[in-house]
Amino acid sequence: MDDYRPLGPDSYRPIFFKNQRATVSNSRLRLVKNCFDFPNPTSEVSQTLLALIPKSHEPFLISQLRPVALCNVSYKIVTEVISQRQWRISIGT
């Protein structure tokens, strides 16, 4: 992840977790494990902010807006773990 991505619902950028790895790594690891052990679709991990960024100066059509999803860092970590697992399964390792 880019260090200075826009803030998501958790109000933290990836650079915070990289700089404070020793402090937050155990709690992040527990959170990711809990997402797999006790899946909960209403979890705060899956909260995402959606923003519409205009492509032109004065947009009046939906096609003139660009949707941007601002996910929190924990959600990105969980989805990356899932994608890595699927990739390993697809190549047979």
C-alpha atoms as a PDB file:
ATOM      1  CA  MET A   1       0.000   0.000   0.000  1.00  0.00           C
ATOM      2  CA  ASP A   2       1.092   3.510  -0.692  1.00  0.00           C
ATOM      3  CA  ASP A   3       2.217   5.165   2.564  1.00  0.00           C
ATOM      4  CA  TYR A   4       0.114   8.304   2.171  1.00  0.00           C
ATOM      5  CA  ARG A   5      -3.182   6.981   0.815  1.00  0.00           C
ATOM      6  CA  PRO A   6      -6.267   9.061   1.672  1.00  0.00           C
ATOM      7  CA  LEU A   7      -7.728   8.477   5.111  1.00  0.00           C
ATOM      8  CA  GLY A   8     -10.393   5.822   5.432  1.00  0.00           C
ATOM      9  CA  PRO A   9     -12.978   5.296   8.184  1.00  0.00           C
ATOM     10  CA  ASP A  10     -10.265   4.282  10.668  1.00  0.00           C
ATOM     11  CA  SER A  11      -8.537   7.704  10.220  1.00  0.00           C
ATOM     12  CA  TYR A  12      -5.084   6.161   9.794  1.00  0.00           C
ATOM     13  CA  ARG A  13      -2.735   6.029   6.838  1.00  0.00           C
ATOM     14  CA  PRO A  14      -0.611   2.942   6.047  1.00  0.00           C
ATOM     15  CA  ILE A  15       2.532   4.866   7.070  1.00  0.00           C
ATOM     16  CA  PHE A  16       1.300   4.894  10.684  1.00  0.00           C
ATOM     17  CA  PHE A  17       1.138   1.089  10.805  1.00  0.00           C
ATOM     18  CA  LYS A  18       4.522   0.778   9.102  1.00  0.00           C
ATOM     19  CA  ASN A  19       6.187   3.201  11.533  1.00  0.00           C
ATOM     20  CA  GLN A  20       4.494   1.712  14.611  1.00  0.00           C
ATOM     21  CA  ARG A  21       4.822  -1.935  13.589  1.00  0.00           C
ATOM     22  CA  ALA A  22       6.317  -3.028  16.917  1.00  0.00           C
ATOM     23  CA  THR A  23       3.447  -1.433  18.828  1.00  0.00           C
ATOM     24  CA  VAL A  24       0.452  -2.459  16.712  1.00  0.00           C
ATOM     25  CA  SER A  25       1.541  -5.677  14.980  1.00  0.00           C
ATOM     26  CA  ASN A  26       0.111  -8.073  17.606  1.00  0.00           C
ATOM     27  CA  SER A  27      -3.276  -6.345  17.662  1.00  0.00           C
ATOM     28  CA  ARG A  28      -3.401  -6.242  13.820  1.00  0.00           C
ATOM     29  CA  LEU A  29      -2.538  -9.938  13.654  1.00  0.00           C
ATOM     30  CA  ARG A  30      -5.299 -10.789  16.166  1.00  0.00           C
ATOM     31  CA  LEU A  31      -7.775  -8.688  14.235  1.00  0.00           C
ATOM     32  CA  VAL A  32      -6.969 -10.440  10.935  1.00  0.00           C
ATOM     33  CA  LYS A  33      -7.173 -13.873  12.581  1.00  0.00           C
ATOM     34  CA  ASN A  34     -10.526 -12.959  14.160  1.00  0.00           C
ATOM     35  CA  CYS A  35     -11.873 -11.950  10.750  1.00  0.00           C
ATOM     36  CA  PHE A  36     -11.282 -15.506   9.553  1.00  0.00           C
ATOM     37  CA  ASP A  37     -12.270 -17.285  12.763  1.00  0.00           C
ATOM     38  CA  PHE A  38     -15.427 -15.244  13.444  1.00  0.00           C
ATOM     39  CA  PRO A  39     -16.622 -13.623  10.209  1.00  0.00           C
ATOM     40  CA  ASN A  40     -19.072 -10.832  10.870  1.00  0.00           C
ATOM     41  CA  PRO A  41     -20.424  -8.876   7.877  1.00  0.00           C
ATOM     42  CA  THR A  42     -21.281  -5.882  10.068  1.00  0.00           C
ATOM     43  CA  SER A  43     -17.757  -5.606  11.443  1.00  0.00           C
ATOM     44  CA  GLU A  44     -16.081  -2.212  11.574  1.00  0.00           C
ATOM     45  CA  VAL A  45     -13.278  -3.748   9.508  1.00  0.00           C
ATOM     46  CA  SER A  46     -15.473  -3.691   6.413  1.00  0.00           C
ATOM     47  CA  GLN A  47     -16.560  -0.055   6.751  1.00  0.00           C
ATOM     48  CA  THR A  48     -15.742   1.938   3.641  1.00  0.00           C
ATOM     49  CA  LEU A  49     -16.321   5.545   2.664  1.00  0.00           C
ATOM     50  CA  LEU A  50     -17.377   6.226  -0.918  1.00  0.00           C
ATOM     51  CA  ALA A  51     -16.571   9.533  -2.567  1.00  0.00           C
ATOM     52  CA  LEU A  52     -17.435  10.871  -5.998  1.00  0.00           C
ATOM     53  CA  ILE A  53     -14.647  12.916  -7.568  1.00  0.00           C
ATOM     54  CA  PRO A  54     -15.690  15.186 -10.462  1.00  0.00           C
ATOM     55  CA  LYS A  55     -13.923  14.602 -13.786  1.00  0.00           C
ATOM     56  CA  SER A  56     -15.003  17.986 -15.125  1.00  0.00           C
ATOM     57  CA  HIS A  57     -15.446  21.455 -13.654  1.00  0.00           C
ATOM     58  CA  GLU A  58     -19.252  21.289 -13.342  1.00  0.00           C
ATOM     59  CA  PRO A  59     -20.445  17.686 -13.666  1.00  0.00           C
ATOM     60  CA  PHE A  60     -24.153  17.105 -14.254  1.00  0.00           C
ATOM     61  CA  LEU A  61     -24.055  13.476 -15.449  1.00  0.00           C
ATOM     62  CA  ILE A  62     -23.076  10.490 -13.320  1.00  0.00           C
ATOM     63  CA  SER A  63     -20.545   9.528 -16.007  1.00  0.00           C
ATOM     64  CA  GLN A  64     -18.686  12.752 -15.199  1.00  0.00           C
ATOM     65  CA  LEU A  65     -17.939  11.498 -11.676  1.00  0.00           C
ATOM     66  CA  ARG A  66     -15.259   9.041 -10.612  1.00  0.00           C
ATOM     67  CA  PRO A  67     -16.139   6.807  -7.642  1.00  0.00           C
ATOM     68  CA  VAL A  68     -13.381   6.297  -5.080  1.00  0.00           C
ATOM     69  CA  ALA A  69     -13.582   3.790  -2.224  1.00  0.00           C
ATOM     70  CA  LEU A  70     -11.708   4.773   0.942  1.00  0.00           C
ATOM     71  CA  CYS A  71     -11.219   1.492   2.789  1.00  0.00           C
ATOM     72  CA  ASN A  72      -9.549   1.236   6.159  1.00  0.00           C
ATOM     73  CA  VAL A  73      -6.106  -0.344   6.466  1.00  0.00           C
ATOM     74  CA  SER A  74      -7.377  -3.449   8.291  1.00  0.00           C
ATOM     75  CA  TYR A  75      -9.791  -4.203   5.447  1.00  0.00           C
ATOM     76  CA  LYS A  76      -6.973  -3.915   2.922  1.00  0.00           C
ATOM     77  CA  ILE A  77      -4.815  -6.304   4.956  1.00  0.00           C
ATOM     78  CA  VAL A  78      -7.613  -8.897   5.187  1.00  0.00           C
ATOM     79  CA  THR A  79      -8.392  -8.684   1.455  1.00  0.00           C
ATOM     80  CA  GLU A  80      -4.702  -9.032   0.624  1.00  0.00           C
ATOM     81  CA  VAL A  81      -4.481 -12.195   2.751  1.00  0.00           C
ATOM     82  CA  ILE A  82      -7.526 -13.603   0.946  1.00  0.00           C
ATOM     83  CA  SER A  83      -6.123 -12.793  -2.500  1.00  0.00           C
ATOM     84  CA  GLN A  84      -2.751 -14.355  -1.618  1.00  0.00           C
ATOM     85  CA  ARG A  85      -4.494 -17.526  -0.420  1.00  0.00           C
ATOM     86  CA  GLN A  86      -6.535 -17.731  -3.613  1.00  0.00           C
ATOM     87  CA  TRP A  87      -3.443 -17.170  -5.739  1.00  0.00           C
ATOM     88  CA  ARG A  88      -1.581 -19.969  -3.953  1.00  0.00           C
ATOM     89  CA  ILE A  89      -4.546 -22.313  -4.383  1.00  0.00           C
ATOM     90  CA  SER A  90      -4.769 -21.485  -8.095  1.00  0.00           C
ATOM     91  CA  ILE A  91      -1.094 -22.338  -8.714  1.00  0.00           C
ATOM     92  CA  GLY A  92      -1.300 -25.435  -6.524  1.00  0.00           C
ATOM     93  CA  THR A  93       1.119 -24.662  -3.664  1.00  0.00           C
END
